[in-house]
Amino acid sequence: MSGSSNSQTKKTGTNDFPTNVLLCPLCGEANGCSYAAGRPHSECWCNHAEFPEGVFDRIPAEQRRKSCICQRCLETYKNQTEHQQEPHS
C-alpha cells in the first residue's frame, strides 16, 4: 500500500490513525459492509442480522461508529454468549 490517501478511510480524531471503513474494528478483516463499499445500505448483510446487546462494547471506544463489525465477529460473539448462558450440569 502506498502513502497516498484512500477514499475508504476517515480520521477518528486529531492524533489517531485513519480508520478503514471496509475493515472490521475487531479482527481487521473485510467487514462486507455494502454501504461503506458504495452500494445501497439495503444490500448489506447486516439488514438481516440480529445484533445482541453488548456486541458493540467489544469495539474500542475511539473506534465505535466508525466502521462495521463483520459477520464472523458477530457470530463468534453470539456463540460465546450462548455458551456463557448455558446452565452447567
N, C-alpha and C. Protein backbone atom coordinates (compact mmCIF):
# COMPACT_ATOMS: atom_id res chain seq x y z
N MET A 1 0.85 -1.18 0.00
CA MET A 1 0.00 0.00 0.00
C MET A 1 0.89 1.23 0.00
N SER A 2 0.58 2.16 -0.84
CA SER A 2 1.38 3.38 -0.93
C SER A 2 0.94 4.39 0.11
N GLY A 3 1.65 5.48 0.19
CA GLY A 3 1.33 6.51 1.17
C GLY A 3 0.22 7.44 0.71
N SER A 4 -0.42 7.14 -0.43
CA SER A 4 -1.47 8.02 -0.92
C SER A 4 -2.74 7.86 -0.10
N SER A 5 -3.58 8.87 -0.17
CA SER A 5 -4.83 8.88 0.59
C SER A 5 -5.82 7.90 -0.02
N ASN A 6 -6.59 7.25 0.81
CA ASN A 6 -7.59 6.29 0.37
C ASN A 6 -8.96 6.85 0.72
N SER A 7 -9.87 6.83 -0.25
CA SER A 7 -11.21 7.38 0.00
C SER A 7 -12.01 6.51 0.96
N GLN A 8 -11.53 5.32 1.28
CA GLN A 8 -12.24 4.42 2.18
C GLN A 8 -11.77 4.58 3.63
N THR A 9 -11.01 5.61 3.92
CA THR A 9 -10.54 5.83 5.28
C THR A 9 -11.06 7.16 5.79
N LYS A 10 -11.15 7.27 7.12
CA LYS A 10 -11.51 8.55 7.72
C LYS A 10 -10.78 8.68 9.04
N LYS A 11 -10.47 9.89 9.41
CA LYS A 11 -9.78 10.14 10.66
C LYS A 11 -10.75 9.93 11.81
N THR A 12 -10.23 9.32 12.89
CA THR A 12 -11.07 9.09 14.06
C THR A 12 -10.84 10.14 15.12
N GLY A 13 -9.87 10.97 14.95
CA GLY A 13 -9.56 12.03 15.90
C GLY A 13 -8.33 12.78 15.44
N THR A 14 -7.93 13.80 16.14
CA THR A 14 -6.83 14.62 15.68
C THR A 14 -5.49 13.90 15.68
N ASN A 15 -5.25 12.99 16.61
CA ASN A 15 -3.97 12.28 16.67
C ASN A 15 -4.10 10.80 16.35
N ASP A 16 -5.25 10.37 15.86
CA ASP A 16 -5.49 8.96 15.59
C ASP A 16 -5.09 8.60 14.17
N PHE A 17 -4.85 7.32 13.97
CA PHE A 17 -4.64 6.81 12.63
C PHE A 17 -6.00 6.74 11.96
N PRO A 18 -6.04 6.86 10.63
CA PRO A 18 -7.34 6.78 9.95
C PRO A 18 -7.93 5.38 10.07
N THR A 19 -9.25 5.31 10.07
CA THR A 19 -9.98 4.05 10.13
C THR A 19 -10.38 3.67 8.72
N ASN A 20 -10.13 2.42 8.34
CA ASN A 20 -10.60 1.93 7.06
C ASN A 20 -12.01 1.40 7.28
N VAL A 21 -13.00 2.03 6.68
CA VAL A 21 -14.40 1.68 6.91
C VAL A 21 -14.78 0.34 6.31
N LEU A 22 -13.90 -0.27 5.52
CA LEU A 22 -14.16 -1.58 4.93
C LEU A 22 -13.64 -2.72 5.79
N LEU A 23 -13.00 -2.38 6.92
CA LEU A 23 -12.42 -3.40 7.79
C LEU A 23 -13.14 -3.45 9.13
N CYS A 24 -13.28 -4.65 9.66
CA CYS A 24 -13.90 -4.87 10.96
C CYS A 24 -12.98 -4.32 12.05
N PRO A 25 -13.50 -3.51 12.98
CA PRO A 25 -12.66 -2.96 14.04
C PRO A 25 -12.23 -4.00 15.07
N LEU A 26 -12.81 -5.20 15.03
CA LEU A 26 -12.44 -6.25 15.98
C LEU A 26 -11.34 -7.16 15.46
N CYS A 27 -11.47 -7.60 14.20
CA CYS A 27 -10.49 -8.56 13.67
C CYS A 27 -9.60 -7.98 12.59
N GLY A 28 -9.97 -6.83 12.03
CA GLY A 28 -9.15 -6.20 11.00
C GLY A 28 -9.35 -6.78 9.61
N GLU A 29 -10.28 -7.72 9.47
CA GLU A 29 -10.57 -8.31 8.16
C GLU A 29 -11.70 -7.54 7.49
N ALA A 30 -11.96 -7.83 6.21
CA ALA A 30 -13.05 -7.18 5.48
C ALA A 30 -14.37 -7.39 6.21
N ASN A 31 -15.15 -6.32 6.36
CA ASN A 31 -16.41 -6.41 7.09
C ASN A 31 -17.62 -6.69 6.21
N GLY A 32 -17.46 -6.63 4.90
CA GLY A 32 -18.57 -6.91 4.00
C GLY A 32 -19.64 -5.85 3.99
N CYS A 33 -19.33 -4.65 4.43
CA CYS A 33 -20.31 -3.57 4.50
C CYS A 33 -20.59 -3.02 3.10
N SER A 34 -21.80 -3.24 2.62
CA SER A 34 -22.18 -2.74 1.30
C SER A 34 -22.20 -1.22 1.24
N TYR A 35 -22.71 -0.61 2.30
CA TYR A 35 -22.82 0.84 2.34
C TYR A 35 -21.44 1.51 2.27
N ALA A 36 -20.49 1.00 3.04
CA ALA A 36 -19.14 1.56 3.03
C ALA A 36 -18.46 1.34 1.69
N ALA A 37 -18.87 0.29 0.99
CA ALA A 37 -18.29 -0.01 -0.32
C ALA A 37 -18.96 0.78 -1.44
N GLY A 38 -19.93 1.64 -1.08
CA GLY A 38 -20.56 2.50 -2.07
C GLY A 38 -21.85 1.95 -2.66
N ARG A 39 -22.34 0.85 -2.13
CA ARG A 39 -23.60 0.29 -2.61
C ARG A 39 -24.72 0.68 -1.64
N PRO A 40 -25.97 0.50 -2.04
CA PRO A 40 -27.08 0.86 -1.15
C PRO A 40 -27.04 0.08 0.16
N HIS A 41 -27.39 0.74 1.25
CA HIS A 41 -27.40 0.11 2.56
C HIS A 41 -28.33 -1.10 2.57
N SER A 42 -29.37 -1.06 1.75
CA SER A 42 -30.34 -2.16 1.69
C SER A 42 -29.72 -3.47 1.22
N GLU A 43 -28.56 -3.41 0.58
CA GLU A 43 -27.88 -4.62 0.11
C GLU A 43 -26.98 -5.25 1.16
N CYS A 44 -26.80 -4.60 2.28
CA CYS A 44 -25.84 -5.06 3.29
C CYS A 44 -26.35 -6.27 4.06
N TRP A 45 -25.44 -7.17 4.40
CA TRP A 45 -25.76 -8.37 5.16
C TRP A 45 -26.37 -8.03 6.52
N CYS A 46 -26.01 -6.89 7.06
CA CYS A 46 -26.46 -6.54 8.41
C CYS A 46 -27.95 -6.26 8.50
N ASN A 47 -28.59 -6.01 7.37
CA ASN A 47 -30.04 -5.76 7.37
C ASN A 47 -30.84 -6.99 7.79
N HIS A 48 -30.22 -8.16 7.71
CA HIS A 48 -30.91 -9.39 8.06
C HIS A 48 -30.30 -10.05 9.29
N ALA A 49 -29.44 -9.32 9.97
CA ALA A 49 -28.74 -9.87 11.14
C ALA A 49 -29.33 -9.32 12.42
N GLU A 50 -29.18 -10.09 13.48
CA GLU A 50 -29.59 -9.66 14.81
C GLU A 50 -28.33 -9.38 15.63
N PHE A 51 -28.25 -8.20 16.18
CA PHE A 51 -27.09 -7.78 16.97
C PHE A 51 -27.46 -7.76 18.44
N PRO A 52 -26.98 -8.74 19.21
CA PRO A 52 -27.32 -8.78 20.63
C PRO A 52 -26.71 -7.63 21.40
N GLU A 53 -27.38 -7.31 22.51
CA GLU A 53 -26.87 -6.26 23.39
C GLU A 53 -25.46 -6.62 23.83
N GLY A 54 -24.57 -5.66 23.81
CA GLY A 54 -23.21 -5.87 24.27
C GLY A 54 -22.20 -6.16 23.18
N VAL A 55 -22.66 -6.51 21.98
CA VAL A 55 -21.71 -6.87 20.92
C VAL A 55 -20.80 -5.69 20.55
N PHE A 56 -21.33 -4.49 20.57
CA PHE A 56 -20.52 -3.33 20.18
C PHE A 56 -19.62 -2.85 21.31
N ASP A 57 -19.84 -3.35 22.52
CA ASP A 57 -18.97 -2.98 23.65
C ASP A 57 -17.56 -3.52 23.49
N ARG A 58 -17.39 -4.50 22.62
CA ARG A 58 -16.05 -5.07 22.37
C ARG A 58 -15.19 -4.17 21.49
N ILE A 59 -15.82 -3.23 20.83
CA ILE A 59 -15.09 -2.30 19.97
C ILE A 59 -14.49 -1.21 20.85
N PRO A 60 -13.19 -0.91 20.70
CA PRO A 60 -12.61 0.18 21.49
C PRO A 60 -13.42 1.46 21.30
N ALA A 61 -13.63 2.20 22.36
CA ALA A 61 -14.48 3.39 22.35
C ALA A 61 -14.13 4.36 21.22
N GLU A 62 -12.85 4.56 20.97
CA GLU A 62 -12.45 5.52 19.93
C GLU A 62 -12.74 5.02 18.52
N GLN A 63 -13.10 3.75 18.37
CA GLN A 63 -13.40 3.20 17.05
C GLN A 63 -14.89 2.94 16.83
N ARG A 64 -15.69 3.09 17.86
CA ARG A 64 -17.13 2.83 17.72
C ARG A 64 -17.77 3.81 16.75
N ARG A 65 -18.70 3.28 15.97
CA ARG A 65 -19.46 4.06 15.00
C ARG A 65 -18.59 4.60 13.87
N LYS A 66 -17.42 3.98 13.67
CA LYS A 66 -16.52 4.39 12.59
C LYS A 66 -16.55 3.39 11.44
N SER A 67 -16.67 2.09 11.78
CA SER A 67 -16.77 1.04 10.77
C SER A 67 -17.55 -0.12 11.36
N CYS A 68 -18.08 -0.96 10.49
CA CYS A 68 -18.94 -2.07 10.91
C CYS A 68 -18.13 -3.30 11.30
N ILE A 69 -18.69 -4.09 12.21
CA ILE A 69 -18.08 -5.38 12.50
C ILE A 69 -18.47 -6.35 11.38
N CYS A 70 -17.73 -7.45 11.26
CA CYS A 70 -18.01 -8.43 10.22
C CYS A 70 -18.93 -9.53 10.73
N GLN A 71 -19.46 -10.32 9.81
CA GLN A 71 -20.36 -11.42 10.17
C GLN A 71 -19.67 -12.43 11.07
N ARG A 72 -18.40 -12.72 10.80
CA ARG A 72 -17.69 -13.71 11.60
C ARG A 72 -17.56 -13.26 13.05
N CYS A 73 -17.23 -11.99 13.28
CA CYS A 73 -17.12 -11.49 14.66
C CYS A 73 -18.49 -11.49 15.34
N LEU A 74 -19.53 -11.17 14.60
CA LEU A 74 -20.89 -11.21 15.16
C LEU A 74 -21.23 -12.63 15.58
N GLU A 75 -20.98 -13.60 14.71
CA GLU A 75 -21.29 -15.00 15.03
C GLU A 75 -20.43 -15.51 16.18
N THR A 76 -19.17 -15.13 16.22
CA THR A 76 -18.29 -15.51 17.33
C THR A 76 -18.84 -14.99 18.64
N TYR A 77 -19.26 -13.73 18.66
CA TYR A 77 -19.84 -13.14 19.87
C TYR A 77 -21.10 -13.90 20.30
N LYS A 78 -21.97 -14.18 19.35
CA LYS A 78 -23.20 -14.90 19.66
C LYS A 78 -22.89 -16.28 20.25
N ASN A 79 -21.95 -16.99 19.65
CA ASN A 79 -21.58 -18.32 20.15
C ASN A 79 -21.00 -18.25 21.55
N GLN A 80 -20.16 -17.26 21.82
CA GLN A 80 -19.55 -17.11 23.13
C GLN A 80 -20.59 -16.78 24.19
N THR A 81 -21.54 -15.91 23.87
CA THR A 81 -22.54 -15.54 24.86
C THR A 81 -23.54 -16.68 25.08
N GLU A 82 -23.81 -17.49 24.05
CA GLU A 82 -24.68 -18.65 24.23
C GLU A 82 -24.06 -19.64 25.19
N HIS A 83 -22.76 -19.89 25.05
CA HIS A 83 -22.07 -20.84 25.93
C HIS A 83 -22.00 -20.32 27.36
N GLN A 84 -21.91 -19.03 27.54
CA GLN A 84 -21.86 -18.46 28.89
C GLN A 84 -23.22 -18.55 29.56
N GLN A 85 -24.29 -18.57 28.80
CA GLN A 85 -25.64 -18.61 29.36
C GLN A 85 -26.14 -20.02 29.60
N GLU A 86 -25.46 -21.03 29.03
CA GLU A 86 -25.90 -22.40 29.22
C GLU A 86 -25.69 -22.82 30.68
N PRO A 87 -26.68 -23.49 31.26
CA PRO A 87 -26.51 -23.96 32.65
C PRO A 87 -25.48 -25.09 32.69
N HIS A 88 -24.70 -25.09 33.75
CA HIS A 88 -23.72 -26.15 33.95
C HIS A 88 -24.39 -27.34 34.59
N SER A 89 -23.97 -28.54 34.18
CA SER A 89 -24.60 -29.74 34.75
C SER A 89 -23.81 -30.27 35.91
